[in-house]
Amino acid sequence: MMKRSAIAFSAITATMATAGVVQATTLEDVKAKGFVQCGVSQGLPGFSNFDDKGNWTGVDVDVCRAVAAAVFGDATKVKYTPLSAKERFTALQSGEIDVLSRNTTWTQTRDTALGLNFTGVNYYDGQGFMVRKDLGVKSALELSGAAVCTNTGTTTELNLADYFRANSMDYKVVAFEKADEVVAAYDAGRCDVYTTDQSGLYAQRIKLKEPDAHMVLPEVISKEPLGPVTRHGDDEWFDIVKWTLNCMLNSEEMGVTSANVGDMAGSDNPGIKRLLGSEGDAGKNLGLDPGWCEAIVTQVGNYGESFAANLGPETPLKIERGLNALWTQGGIQYAPPIR
């Protein structure tokens, strides 16, 4: 399915180039319609989730809002398209959405053969396993013969196969397209194990009938760098989404928050001046207003604020920063400088 999508996308692109069709850029399209169309999950707490009033929240949603703040000076100018793992790439390739911000792993195949550009990493993750505590299992190496629930159309299935094969263990996969279907099947006892990115396990556990009856095993079996995605062939839009995330990371590193950004705008620090647009050409280089990054921090917050509000210890997920701490604080989150 993924190969056919890639071939179809390449064929469409080649045909249009041969025909001399001149397409509007994504930025032009977004400005013309007045909003950013953002592809998100079908409901993953902490990343992209909606409430009973249809309001979306999460770190992936904050990326969408930040892009809107950068382009329009208004973080509310976003519309959301909930997508399954199977649907997400076709929706981006076809132009149904402008950016995909949906807990998506950056891999070589996706970054090349599928015609996609990953703009950075907004969450460093790794695949894990969740089981019922009464199963008596303390390690993933004790799972031989288990029935394992997971999503179709993800790197999770491939990692699962690799792990069990490498450890000479048998297993039965029970796969579904929608994340809520996986959660329901696991909660109903149709499988012994639920596997996905560890962040997803913590997020989905709070949906279970008895969350405290389940535990995440210690093994992390893969690298899962998650981040926003754009289409190949539009460097201008790719740069905007990439530097939106970099703005949020650099703002945290420089101590610029939604609470103090007004005061920081008068700072004598050259780096902060460039960040907030009172010096340099960062906005001009992106085709945006000088205050593009200031608008992001004012309306959405810096990366640390987004993490704390959606995933951190004061939220139901209670996830520590870990690898997602700044490089200056023991993590690996690191953004190139705005200069």
Protein backbone atom coordinates (compact mmCIF):
# COMPACT_ATOMS: atom_id res chain seq x y z
CA MET A 1 0.00 0.00 0.00
CA MET A 2 2.80 2.36 0.94
CA LYS A 3 4.76 1.52 -2.23
CA ARG A 4 1.73 2.11 -4.45
CA SER A 5 1.15 5.48 -2.77
CA ALA A 6 4.76 6.48 -3.38
CA ILE A 7 4.61 5.40 -7.03
CA ALA A 8 1.33 7.23 -7.59
CA PHE A 9 2.69 10.39 -5.97
CA SER A 10 5.84 10.28 -8.13
CA ALA A 11 3.80 9.69 -11.29
CA ILE A 12 1.51 12.64 -10.57
CA THR A 13 4.49 14.90 -9.90
CA ALA A 14 6.27 13.80 -13.08
CA THR A 15 3.15 14.27 -15.21
CA MET A 16 2.59 17.78 -13.91
CA ALA A 17 6.22 18.70 -14.49
CA THR A 18 6.09 17.37 -18.06
CA ALA A 19 2.89 19.25 -18.75
CA GLY A 20 4.43 22.48 -17.48
CA VAL A 21 1.75 22.94 -14.84
CA VAL A 22 2.58 25.79 -12.48
CA GLN A 23 1.34 25.06 -8.99
CA ALA A 24 0.81 27.57 -6.23
CA THR A 25 3.14 27.05 -3.29
CA THR A 26 1.74 25.63 -0.07
CA LEU A 27 2.23 28.99 1.63
CA GLU A 28 0.22 30.69 -1.13
CA ASP A 29 -2.54 28.09 -0.83
CA VAL A 30 -2.63 28.42 2.95
CA LYS A 31 -2.83 32.21 2.80
CA ALA A 32 -5.55 32.06 0.14
CA LYS A 33 -7.82 29.79 2.18
CA GLY A 34 -6.98 31.54 5.47
CA PHE A 35 -5.98 28.56 7.61
CA VAL A 36 -3.53 25.66 7.96
CA GLN A 37 -5.02 22.21 7.34
CA CYS A 38 -3.21 19.96 9.79
CA GLY A 39 -3.30 16.17 9.84
CA VAL A 40 -3.46 14.77 13.37
CA SER A 41 -4.26 11.47 15.10
CA GLN A 42 -7.74 10.17 15.74
CA GLY A 43 -7.25 10.83 19.44
CA LEU A 44 -4.01 10.31 21.38
CA PRO A 45 -3.93 12.10 24.75
CA GLY A 46 -0.99 14.43 25.13
CA PHE A 47 -0.21 14.51 21.40
CA SER A 48 -3.40 15.23 19.46
CA ASN A 49 -6.68 14.69 21.24
CA PHE A 50 -10.10 16.35 21.14
CA ASP A 51 -12.63 16.96 23.89
CA ASP A 52 -16.43 16.72 23.80
CA LYS A 53 -16.57 20.26 22.39
CA GLY A 54 -14.23 19.43 19.53
CA ASN A 55 -11.27 21.37 20.94
CA TRP A 56 -7.90 19.86 20.03
CA THR A 57 -4.90 19.78 22.40
CA GLY A 58 -1.47 18.11 22.54
CA VAL A 59 2.16 18.68 21.59
CA ASP A 60 1.44 17.79 17.95
CA VAL A 61 -1.53 20.16 17.93
CA ASP A 62 0.72 22.88 19.36
CA VAL A 63 3.00 22.50 16.32
CA CYS A 64 -0.02 23.11 14.08
CA ARG A 65 -1.04 26.13 16.12
CA ALA A 66 2.52 27.45 16.07
CA VAL A 67 2.66 27.22 12.26
CA ALA A 68 -0.59 29.21 12.08
CA ALA A 69 0.82 31.81 14.49
CA ALA A 70 3.95 32.12 12.34
CA VAL A 71 2.03 32.51 9.08
CA PHE A 72 -1.03 34.49 10.19
CA GLY A 73 -0.06 35.88 13.57
CA ASP A 74 -3.09 33.91 14.82
CA ALA A 75 -2.71 30.41 16.31
CA THR A 76 -6.44 29.71 15.94
CA LYS A 77 -6.31 29.64 12.15
CA VAL A 78 -6.01 25.86 11.96
CA LYS A 79 -8.38 23.11 10.86
CA TYR A 80 -7.70 19.53 11.88
CA THR A 81 -8.04 16.32 9.88
CA PRO A 82 -8.03 13.18 12.08
CA LEU A 83 -6.14 10.43 10.26
CA SER A 84 -5.38 6.78 10.89
CA ALA A 85 -1.81 5.58 10.53
CA LYS A 86 -2.77 3.99 7.22
CA GLU A 87 -4.32 7.19 5.81
CA ARG A 88 -1.82 9.81 6.96
CA PHE A 89 0.77 9.74 4.17
CA THR A 90 -1.73 9.61 1.31
CA ALA A 91 -3.52 12.61 2.81
CA LEU A 92 -0.29 14.61 2.80
CA GLN A 93 0.86 13.44 -0.63
CA SER A 94 -2.50 14.30 -2.21
CA GLY A 95 -2.63 17.81 -0.74
CA GLU A 96 -5.61 17.06 1.49
CA ILE A 97 -3.55 18.44 4.38
CA ASP A 98 -0.75 21.03 4.47
CA VAL A 99 1.29 19.46 7.25
CA LEU A 100 1.17 16.16 9.11
CA SER A 101 1.72 16.50 12.86
CA ARG A 102 0.70 13.09 14.10
CA ASN A 103 3.21 11.13 16.25
CA THR A 104 4.93 9.92 13.07
CA THR A 105 8.33 8.22 13.07
CA TRP A 106 11.07 9.62 10.85
CA THR A 107 12.50 6.76 8.78
CA GLN A 108 14.67 6.57 5.67
CA THR A 109 11.94 5.06 3.49
CA ARG A 110 9.37 7.67 4.49
CA ASP A 111 11.87 10.49 4.02
CA THR A 112 12.74 9.35 0.48
CA ALA A 113 10.47 6.87 -1.33
CA LEU A 114 7.22 8.33 0.00
CA GLY A 115 7.98 11.89 -1.12
CA LEU A 116 7.98 13.33 2.40
CA ASN A 117 10.17 15.77 4.33
CA PHE A 118 10.50 15.45 8.10
CA THR A 119 11.04 18.90 9.55
CA GLY A 120 12.53 17.89 12.89
CA VAL A 121 11.80 15.88 16.03
CA ASN A 122 9.28 17.14 18.57
CA TYR A 123 9.37 13.93 20.61
CA TYR A 124 12.13 11.31 20.92
CA ASP A 125 10.42 8.01 21.62
CA GLY A 126 10.92 4.24 21.46
CA GLN A 127 8.61 1.26 21.11
CA GLY A 128 7.58 -0.64 24.22
CA PHE A 129 5.11 -3.19 25.57
CA MET A 130 2.22 -2.97 28.02
CA VAL A 131 0.75 -5.94 29.85
CA ARG A 132 -1.67 -6.64 32.66
CA LYS A 133 0.12 -6.82 35.99
CA ASP A 134 -1.61 -10.09 36.85
CA LEU A 135 0.07 -11.72 33.83
CA GLY A 136 3.15 -11.90 36.02
CA VAL A 137 5.54 -10.78 33.27
CA LYS A 138 8.47 -8.53 34.17
CA SER A 139 10.31 -8.46 30.84
CA ALA A 140 9.44 -8.50 27.14
CA LEU A 141 11.74 -11.54 26.85
CA GLU A 142 9.04 -13.52 28.68
CA LEU A 143 6.43 -12.89 25.97
CA SER A 144 7.00 -15.93 23.73
CA GLY A 145 3.65 -17.23 22.47
CA ALA A 146 1.80 -14.03 23.32
CA ALA A 147 -0.98 -12.44 21.29
CA VAL A 148 0.07 -8.85 20.61
CA CYS A 149 -2.29 -5.98 19.73
CA THR A 150 -1.01 -3.16 17.53
CA ASN A 151 -1.85 -0.74 14.69
CA THR A 152 -1.61 -1.54 11.00
CA GLY A 153 0.40 0.73 8.69
CA THR A 154 3.06 1.61 11.26
CA THR A 155 6.71 0.93 11.99
CA THR A 156 5.42 -0.86 15.11
CA GLU A 157 4.55 -4.04 13.22
CA LEU A 158 8.02 -4.23 11.65
CA ASN A 159 9.81 -3.60 14.95
CA LEU A 160 7.64 -6.22 16.62
CA ALA A 161 8.55 -8.82 13.99
CA ASP A 162 12.25 -7.96 14.24
CA TYR A 163 12.30 -8.17 18.03
CA PHE A 164 10.53 -11.51 18.32
CA ARG A 165 12.56 -13.02 15.49
CA ALA A 166 15.85 -11.80 16.94
CA ASN A 167 14.95 -13.38 20.28
CA SER A 168 13.60 -16.64 18.77
CA MET A 169 10.13 -16.09 20.19
CA ASP A 170 6.75 -16.92 18.68
CA TYR A 171 3.83 -14.49 18.74
CA LYS A 172 0.45 -13.80 17.17
CA VAL A 173 -0.31 -10.30 15.92
CA VAL A 174 -3.80 -8.82 16.37
CA ALA A 175 -3.83 -5.65 14.26
CA PHE A 176 -6.36 -2.87 13.73
CA GLU A 177 -6.37 0.32 11.68
CA LYS A 178 -7.67 2.67 14.38
CA ALA A 179 -5.87 3.24 17.66
CA ASP A 180 -9.09 3.10 19.68
CA GLU A 181 -9.82 -0.32 18.18
CA VAL A 182 -6.46 -1.56 19.43
CA VAL A 183 -7.11 -0.18 22.91
CA ALA A 184 -10.59 -1.73 23.03
CA ALA A 185 -9.29 -5.13 21.90
CA TYR A 186 -6.51 -5.11 24.49
CA ASP A 187 -8.87 -3.95 27.25
CA ALA A 188 -11.34 -6.71 26.32
CA GLY A 189 -8.63 -9.36 26.67
CA ARG A 190 -8.34 -10.24 22.99
CA CYS A 191 -4.56 -10.07 23.32
CA ASP A 192 -1.97 -10.38 26.08
CA VAL A 193 0.19 -7.43 25.08
CA TYR A 194 -0.25 -3.96 23.63
CA THR A 195 2.72 -2.54 21.73
CA THR A 196 3.32 0.94 20.34
CA ASP A 197 5.62 3.86 21.14
CA GLN A 198 6.07 4.15 24.90
CA SER A 199 4.49 7.61 24.91
CA GLY A 200 1.44 6.07 23.24
CA LEU A 201 1.26 3.34 25.86
CA TYR A 202 1.17 5.91 28.67
CA ALA A 203 -1.42 7.93 26.74
CA GLN A 204 -3.67 4.99 25.93
CA ARG A 205 -3.40 3.45 29.39
CA ILE A 206 -5.54 6.22 30.84
CA LYS A 207 -8.36 5.10 28.51
CA LEU A 208 -8.46 1.58 29.99
CA LYS A 209 -11.17 0.53 32.44
CA GLU A 210 -8.55 -0.06 35.16
CA PRO A 211 -5.38 1.87 34.21
CA ASP A 212 -3.52 0.89 37.38
CA ALA A 213 -3.95 -2.81 36.54
CA HIS A 214 -1.51 -2.44 33.64
CA MET A 215 2.21 -1.79 33.43
CA VAL A 216 4.71 -0.76 30.76
CA LEU A 217 7.62 -3.20 30.55
CA PRO A 218 11.16 -1.79 30.78
CA GLU A 219 12.41 -2.76 27.30
CA VAL A 220 12.62 -0.10 24.59
CA ILE A 221 13.11 -1.96 21.31
CA SER A 222 13.46 0.83 18.74
CA LYS A 223 14.32 4.43 17.98
CA GLU A 224 11.17 6.42 17.22
CA PRO A 225 11.97 10.07 16.45
CA LEU A 226 8.54 11.64 16.02
CA GLY A 227 8.00 14.91 14.19
CA PRO A 228 6.04 17.06 11.73
CA VAL A 229 6.06 16.20 8.03
CA THR A 230 5.65 18.14 4.77
CA ARG A 231 5.68 17.15 1.10
CA HIS A 232 8.77 16.98 -1.08
CA GLY A 233 9.13 19.79 -3.58
CA ASP A 234 8.19 22.87 -1.56
CA ASP A 235 11.27 24.08 0.31
CA GLU A 236 9.61 27.33 1.37
CA TRP A 237 6.89 25.52 3.33
CA PHE A 238 9.35 22.92 4.62
CA ASP A 239 11.49 25.75 6.03
CA ILE A 240 8.52 27.43 7.70
CA VAL A 241 7.43 24.27 9.53
CA LYS A 242 11.02 23.35 10.42
CA TRP A 243 11.84 26.77 11.86
CA THR A 244 8.52 26.92 13.70
CA LEU A 245 9.69 23.95 15.78
CA ASN A 246 13.18 25.45 16.06
CA CYS A 247 11.66 28.69 17.35
CA MET A 248 9.92 26.79 20.16
CA LEU A 249 13.12 24.96 21.12
CA ASN A 250 15.38 28.03 20.94
CA SER A 251 12.88 30.04 22.96
CA GLU A 252 13.02 27.54 25.80
CA GLU A 253 16.81 27.49 25.69
CA MET A 254 16.94 31.30 25.87
CA GLY A 255 14.39 31.48 28.67
CA VAL A 256 11.72 33.18 26.56
CA THR A 257 8.23 32.09 27.65
CA SER A 258 4.66 33.07 26.92
CA ALA A 259 4.65 34.88 30.28
CA ASN A 260 7.77 37.00 29.75
CA VAL A 261 7.97 37.36 25.95
CA GLY A 262 6.73 40.96 26.12
CA ASP A 263 9.54 41.94 28.45
CA MET A 264 12.11 39.88 26.56
CA ALA A 265 11.30 41.76 23.36
CA GLY A 266 13.31 44.66 24.81
CA SER A 267 16.30 42.49 25.70
CA ASP A 268 19.82 43.59 24.75
CA ASN A 269 20.79 39.95 24.09
CA PRO A 270 21.58 39.70 20.34
CA GLY A 271 20.29 36.12 20.17
CA ILE A 272 16.96 37.08 21.71
CA LYS A 273 16.72 40.09 19.41
CA ARG A 274 17.09 37.83 16.37
CA LEU A 275 14.67 35.29 17.86
CA LEU A 276 11.95 37.88 18.40
CA GLY A 277 12.57 39.83 15.21
CA SER A 278 13.96 43.16 16.35
CA GLU A 279 17.22 42.36 14.58
CA GLY A 280 18.17 40.28 11.56
CA ASP A 281 16.25 38.86 8.62
CA ALA A 282 14.87 35.59 10.03
CA GLY A 283 11.29 36.50 9.15
CA LYS A 284 12.20 37.83 5.72
CA ASN A 285 14.18 34.67 4.98
CA LEU A 286 11.03 32.62 5.58
CA GLY A 287 8.67 34.96 3.77
CA LEU A 288 7.07 35.87 7.11
CA ASP A 289 6.69 38.95 9.28
CA PRO A 290 9.61 39.87 11.57
CA GLY A 291 7.60 38.92 14.66
CA TRP A 292 6.77 35.38 13.48
CA CYS A 293 8.60 33.67 16.37
CA GLU A 294 7.32 36.15 18.95
CA ALA A 295 3.78 35.30 17.83
CA ILE A 296 4.47 31.58 18.32
CA VAL A 297 5.79 32.02 21.86
CA THR A 298 3.08 34.51 22.83
CA GLN A 299 0.17 32.38 21.63
CA VAL A 300 1.46 28.80 21.94
CA GLY A 301 4.49 28.91 24.25
CA ASN A 302 7.98 27.50 23.98
CA TYR A 303 8.73 23.78 23.67
CA GLY A 304 9.07 23.26 27.42
CA GLU A 305 5.73 24.93 28.09
CA SER A 306 4.03 22.75 25.49
CA PHE A 307 5.59 19.58 26.92
CA ALA A 308 4.66 20.47 30.51
CA ALA A 309 1.06 21.33 29.63
CA ASN A 310 0.41 18.18 27.60
CA LEU A 311 2.75 15.41 28.73
CA GLY A 312 4.58 16.44 31.90
CA PRO A 313 4.42 15.31 35.53
CA GLU A 314 1.41 17.56 36.27
CA THR A 315 -0.69 15.89 33.54
CA PRO A 316 -2.44 12.49 33.62
CA LEU A 317 0.41 11.04 31.50
CA LYS A 318 3.12 12.07 34.01
CA ILE A 319 5.96 11.74 31.48
CA GLU A 320 9.39 13.03 32.48
CA ARG A 321 11.41 15.03 29.95
CA GLY A 322 14.11 12.35 29.59
CA LEU A 323 15.62 12.47 26.10
CA ASN A 324 13.28 15.37 25.34
CA ALA A 325 15.03 17.67 27.77
CA LEU A 326 17.20 20.33 26.18
CA TRP A 327 20.80 19.43 25.40
CA THR A 328 21.82 21.84 28.17
CA GLN A 329 19.76 19.83 30.69
CA GLY A 330 20.81 16.25 29.95
CA GLY A 331 18.53 15.56 26.99
CA ILE A 332 19.08 15.60 23.23
CA GLN A 333 16.64 18.30 22.11
CA TYR A 334 18.74 20.77 20.16
CA ALA A 335 17.83 23.39 17.59
CA PRO A 336 20.11 25.20 15.13
CA PRO A 337 20.55 28.89 15.95
CA ILE A 338 18.39 31.64 14.48
CA ARG A 339 21.00 33.99 13.03
